[in-house]
Amino acid sequence: MTKKFAIIVEKGRGHYTAYVAGLACCYAKGKTFNALIKNAQKSIKRYLKNEDDAPESDFVGVRILELHARSPMKFTVVIEKGEKYYIAYVPSMSGCHTQAPTIKKLMEYIKEAAVLHLSLYKNNKKSDFVGFRLLEV
């Protein structure tokens, strides 16, 4: 049985990164877009040990997070809905994630997390949001 997953794609310096919506911490990288797609399919297959495994959360959407420090910056935020909480993460900031009972609180918390992340990792490599794609596995 074929399953379909939405992936969020970003282009960094010299590589693409895909985050699989609905599968927490499931991502892949590739030097080319085609390599990324193949690696994402492999990553999803490893994540789902058998066909009966279900996603841990539901994909809600993406928002742009705007931060004003010395110069304005914008980052893509992925939002998912778990059993009790909304979950948000910034794909271009490794480890930048949070959860909250409402989207309003979630956006407040992810902004705080992003500001903290930027203060700790000043030389963070920026990547650009490319878009979404539906991936069959």
C-alpha atoms as a PDB file:
ATOM      1  CA  MET A   1       0.000   0.000   0.000  1.00  0.00           C
ATOM      2  CA  THR A   2       1.347   3.420  -0.967  1.00  0.00           C
ATOM      3  CA  LYS A   3       1.250   6.257   1.575  1.00  0.00           C
ATOM      4  CA  LYS A   4       1.621   9.958   0.807  1.00  0.00           C
ATOM      5  CA  PHE A   5       3.413  12.509   2.977  1.00  0.00           C
ATOM      6  CA  ALA A   6       3.856  16.262   2.627  1.00  0.00           C
ATOM      7  CA  ILE A   7       7.463  17.384   2.787  1.00  0.00           C
ATOM      8  CA  ILE A   8       8.758  20.887   3.427  1.00  0.00           C
ATOM      9  CA  VAL A   9      11.803  21.655   1.292  1.00  0.00           C
ATOM     10  CA  GLU A  10      14.544  24.196   1.983  1.00  0.00           C
ATOM     11  CA  LYS A  11      17.642  24.988  -0.037  1.00  0.00           C
ATOM     12  CA  GLY A  12      20.812  25.628   1.920  1.00  0.00           C
ATOM     13  CA  ARG A  13      24.322  26.259   0.715  1.00  0.00           C
ATOM     14  CA  GLY A  14      25.139  23.273  -1.471  1.00  0.00           C
ATOM     15  CA  HIS A  15      22.264  21.019  -0.395  1.00  0.00           C
ATOM     16  CA  TYR A  16      18.501  20.610  -0.031  1.00  0.00           C
ATOM     17  CA  THR A  17      16.754  19.582   3.194  1.00  0.00           C
ATOM     18  CA  ALA A  18      13.280  18.025   3.498  1.00  0.00           C
ATOM     19  CA  TYR A  19      11.215  17.766   6.671  1.00  0.00           C
ATOM     20  CA  VAL A  20       8.355  15.262   6.642  1.00  0.00           C
ATOM     21  CA  ALA A  21       5.144  16.807   7.957  1.00  0.00           C
ATOM     22  CA  GLY A  22       3.416  14.643  10.512  1.00  0.00           C
ATOM     23  CA  LEU A  23       6.501  12.553  11.340  1.00  0.00           C
ATOM     24  CA  ALA A  24       8.343  14.256  14.175  1.00  0.00           C
ATOM     25  CA  CYS A  25      12.114  14.502  13.574  1.00  0.00           C
ATOM     26  CA  CYS A  26      11.940  12.763  10.186  1.00  0.00           C
ATOM     27  CA  TYR A  27      14.051  14.599   7.629  1.00  0.00           C
ATOM     28  CA  ALA A  28      16.513  14.063   4.788  1.00  0.00           C
ATOM     29  CA  LYS A  29      19.242  15.916   2.898  1.00  0.00           C
ATOM     30  CA  GLY A  30      20.525  15.727  -0.651  1.00  0.00           C
ATOM     31  CA  LYS A  31      22.982  17.580  -2.877  1.00  0.00           C
ATOM     32  CA  THR A  32      20.381  17.724  -5.668  1.00  0.00           C
ATOM     33  CA  PHE A  33      16.605  17.900  -5.544  1.00  0.00           C
ATOM     34  CA  ASN A  34      16.283  14.391  -7.026  1.00  0.00           C
ATOM     35  CA  ALA A  35      18.754  13.002  -4.476  1.00  0.00           C
ATOM     36  CA  LEU A  36      16.737  14.701  -1.743  1.00  0.00           C
ATOM     37  CA  ILE A  37      13.513  13.017  -2.882  1.00  0.00           C
ATOM     38  CA  LYS A  38      15.164   9.562  -2.898  1.00  0.00           C
ATOM     39  CA  ASN A  39      16.704  10.175   0.534  1.00  0.00           C
ATOM     40  CA  ALA A  40      13.373  11.414   1.924  1.00  0.00           C
ATOM     41  CA  GLN A  41      11.632   8.252   0.729  1.00  0.00           C
ATOM     42  CA  LYS A  42      14.313   6.129   2.435  1.00  0.00           C
ATOM     43  CA  SER A  43      14.030   8.192   5.618  1.00  0.00           C
ATOM     44  CA  ILE A  44      10.251   7.739   5.747  1.00  0.00           C
ATOM     45  CA  LYS A  45      10.574   3.977   5.192  1.00  0.00           C
ATOM     46  CA  ARG A  46      13.079   3.759   8.062  1.00  0.00           C
ATOM     47  CA  TYR A  47      10.802   5.869  10.262  1.00  0.00           C
ATOM     48  CA  LEU A  48       7.768   3.705   9.550  1.00  0.00           C
ATOM     49  CA  LYS A  49       8.982   0.249  10.502  1.00  0.00           C
ATOM     50  CA  ASN A  50       5.841  -1.304   9.024  1.00  0.00           C
ATOM     51  CA  GLU A  51       2.872  -0.122   6.963  1.00  0.00           C
ATOM     52  CA  ASP A  52       0.587   0.018   9.995  1.00  0.00           C
ATOM     53  CA  ASP A  53       2.635   2.728  11.727  1.00  0.00           C
ATOM     54  CA  ALA A  54       0.673   5.968  11.825  1.00  0.00           C
ATOM     55  CA  PRO A  55       2.015   9.525  11.934  1.00  0.00           C
ATOM     56  CA  GLU A  56       2.500  10.938  15.426  1.00  0.00           C
ATOM     57  CA  SER A  57       0.976  14.293  14.504  1.00  0.00           C
ATOM     58  CA  ASP A  58      -1.077  16.000  11.810  1.00  0.00           C
ATOM     59  CA  PHE A  59       0.392  18.675   9.564  1.00  0.00           C
ATOM     60  CA  VAL A  60      -1.366  22.001  10.169  1.00  0.00           C
ATOM     61  CA  GLY A  61       0.570  24.439   8.013  1.00  0.00           C
ATOM     62  CA  VAL A  62       3.478  26.814   7.700  1.00  0.00           C
ATOM     63  CA  ARG A  63       3.853  30.392   8.858  1.00  0.00           C
ATOM     64  CA  ILE A  64       6.576  32.950   8.350  1.00  0.00           C
ATOM     65  CA  LEU A  65       8.191  34.125  11.581  1.00  0.00           C
ATOM     66  CA  GLU A  66       9.554  37.657  11.463  1.00  0.00           C
ATOM     67  CA  LEU A  67      12.201  38.709  13.970  1.00  0.00           C
ATOM     68  CA  HIS A  68      13.507  42.232  14.454  1.00  0.00           C
ATOM     69  CA  ALA A  69      16.967  42.358  15.932  1.00  0.00           C
ATOM     70  CA  ARG A  70      19.697  44.436  14.332  1.00  0.00           C
ATOM     71  CA  SER A  71      18.139  43.707  10.971  1.00  0.00           C
ATOM     72  CA  PRO A  72      14.759  42.108  10.201  1.00  0.00           C
ATOM     73  CA  MET A  73      14.867  38.345   9.563  1.00  0.00           C
ATOM     74  CA  LYS A  74      12.208  35.906   8.402  1.00  0.00           C
ATOM     75  CA  PHE A  75      12.097  32.167   9.027  1.00  0.00           C
ATOM     76  CA  THR A  76       9.740  29.380   8.014  1.00  0.00           C
ATOM     77  CA  VAL A  77       7.864  27.749  10.914  1.00  0.00           C
ATOM     78  CA  VAL A  78       6.238  24.328  10.460  1.00  0.00           C
ATOM     79  CA  ILE A  79       3.156  23.685  12.600  1.00  0.00           C
ATOM     80  CA  GLU A  80       1.755  20.259  13.455  1.00  0.00           C
ATOM     81  CA  LYS A  81      -1.080  19.131  15.732  1.00  0.00           C
ATOM     82  CA  GLY A  82      -0.340  16.386  18.221  1.00  0.00           C
ATOM     83  CA  GLU A  83      -2.841  14.640  20.484  1.00  0.00           C
ATOM     84  CA  LYS A  84      -2.964  17.492  23.011  1.00  0.00           C
ATOM     85  CA  TYR A  85      -0.687  20.258  21.769  1.00  0.00           C
ATOM     86  CA  TYR A  86       0.380  22.117  18.665  1.00  0.00           C
ATOM     87  CA  ILE A  87       4.045  21.625  17.781  1.00  0.00           C
ATOM     88  CA  ALA A  88       6.215  24.141  15.931  1.00  0.00           C
ATOM     89  CA  TYR A  89       9.752  24.005  14.621  1.00  0.00           C
ATOM     90  CA  VAL A  90      11.999  26.157  12.491  1.00  0.00           C
ATOM     91  CA  PRO A  91      13.575  23.830   9.909  1.00  0.00           C
ATOM     92  CA  SER A  92      16.555  26.113   9.268  1.00  0.00           C
ATOM     93  CA  MET A  93      17.413  26.200  13.014  1.00  0.00           C
ATOM     94  CA  SER A  94      18.434  22.764  14.228  1.00  0.00           C
ATOM     95  CA  GLY A  95      16.821  22.057  17.590  1.00  0.00           C
ATOM     96  CA  CYS A  96      14.522  25.105  17.534  1.00  0.00           C
ATOM     97  CA  HIS A  97      11.094  23.746  18.458  1.00  0.00           C
ATOM     98  CA  THR A  98       8.332  24.134  21.023  1.00  0.00           C
ATOM     99  CA  GLN A  99       4.751  23.154  21.832  1.00  0.00           C
ATOM    100  CA  ALA A 100       1.645  24.920  23.178  1.00  0.00           C
ATOM    101  CA  PRO A 101      -2.102  24.338  23.618  1.00  0.00           C
ATOM    102  CA  THR A 102      -3.048  27.105  21.114  1.00  0.00           C
ATOM    103  CA  ILE A 103      -1.515  28.422  17.895  1.00  0.00           C
ATOM    104  CA  LYS A 104      -1.401  31.941  19.376  1.00  0.00           C
ATOM    105  CA  LYS A 105       0.735  30.720  22.310  1.00  0.00           C
ATOM    106  CA  LEU A 106       2.700  28.472  19.973  1.00  0.00           C
ATOM    107  CA  MET A 107       3.772  31.432  17.813  1.00  0.00           C
ATOM    108  CA  GLU A 108       4.752  33.376  20.936  1.00  0.00           C
ATOM    109  CA  TYR A 109       6.870  30.461  22.196  1.00  0.00           C
ATOM    110  CA  ILE A 110       8.543  29.693  18.853  1.00  0.00           C
ATOM    111  CA  LYS A 111       9.519  33.344  18.501  1.00  0.00           C
ATOM    112  CA  GLU A 112      11.183  33.204  21.932  1.00  0.00           C
ATOM    113  CA  ALA A 113      12.917  29.946  20.961  1.00  0.00           C
ATOM    114  CA  ALA A 114      14.166  31.445  17.678  1.00  0.00           C
ATOM    115  CA  VAL A 115      15.544  34.556  19.395  1.00  0.00           C
ATOM    116  CA  LEU A 116      17.329  32.361  21.940  1.00  0.00           C
ATOM    117  CA  HIS A 117      18.658  30.092  19.190  1.00  0.00           C
ATOM    118  CA  LEU A 118      20.031  33.062  17.261  1.00  0.00           C
ATOM    119  CA  SER A 119      21.703  34.461  20.374  1.00  0.00           C
ATOM    120  CA  LEU A 120      23.399  31.107  21.035  1.00  0.00           C
ATOM    121  CA  TYR A 121      24.300  30.257  17.434  1.00  0.00           C
ATOM    122  CA  LYS A 122      25.262  33.560  15.836  1.00  0.00           C
ATOM    123  CA  ASN A 123      26.970  31.875  12.882  1.00  0.00           C
ATOM    124  CA  ASN A 124      23.934  29.743  12.012  1.00  0.00           C
ATOM    125  CA  LYS A 125      23.876  28.848   8.302  1.00  0.00           C
ATOM    126  CA  LYS A 126      20.728  30.257   6.762  1.00  0.00           C
ATOM    127  CA  SER A 127      18.643  28.208   4.363  1.00  0.00           C
ATOM    128  CA  ASP A 128      15.810  29.341   2.122  1.00  0.00           C
ATOM    129  CA  PHE A 129      12.302  27.899   2.045  1.00  0.00           C
ATOM    130  CA  VAL A 130      11.673  26.203  -1.308  1.00  0.00           C
ATOM    131  CA  GLY A 131       8.161  24.787  -0.942  1.00  0.00           C
ATOM    132  CA  PHE A 132       6.050  21.709  -0.367  1.00  0.00           C
ATOM    133  CA  ARG A 133       5.831  18.447  -2.227  1.00  0.00           C
ATOM    134  CA  LEU A 134       3.686  15.357  -1.826  1.00  0.00           C
ATOM    135  CA  LEU A 135       5.911  12.288  -1.578  1.00  0.00           C
ATOM    136  CA  GLU A 136       4.745   8.699  -2.133  1.00  0.00           C
ATOM    137  CA  VAL A 137       6.359   5.882  -0.190  1.00  0.00           C
END
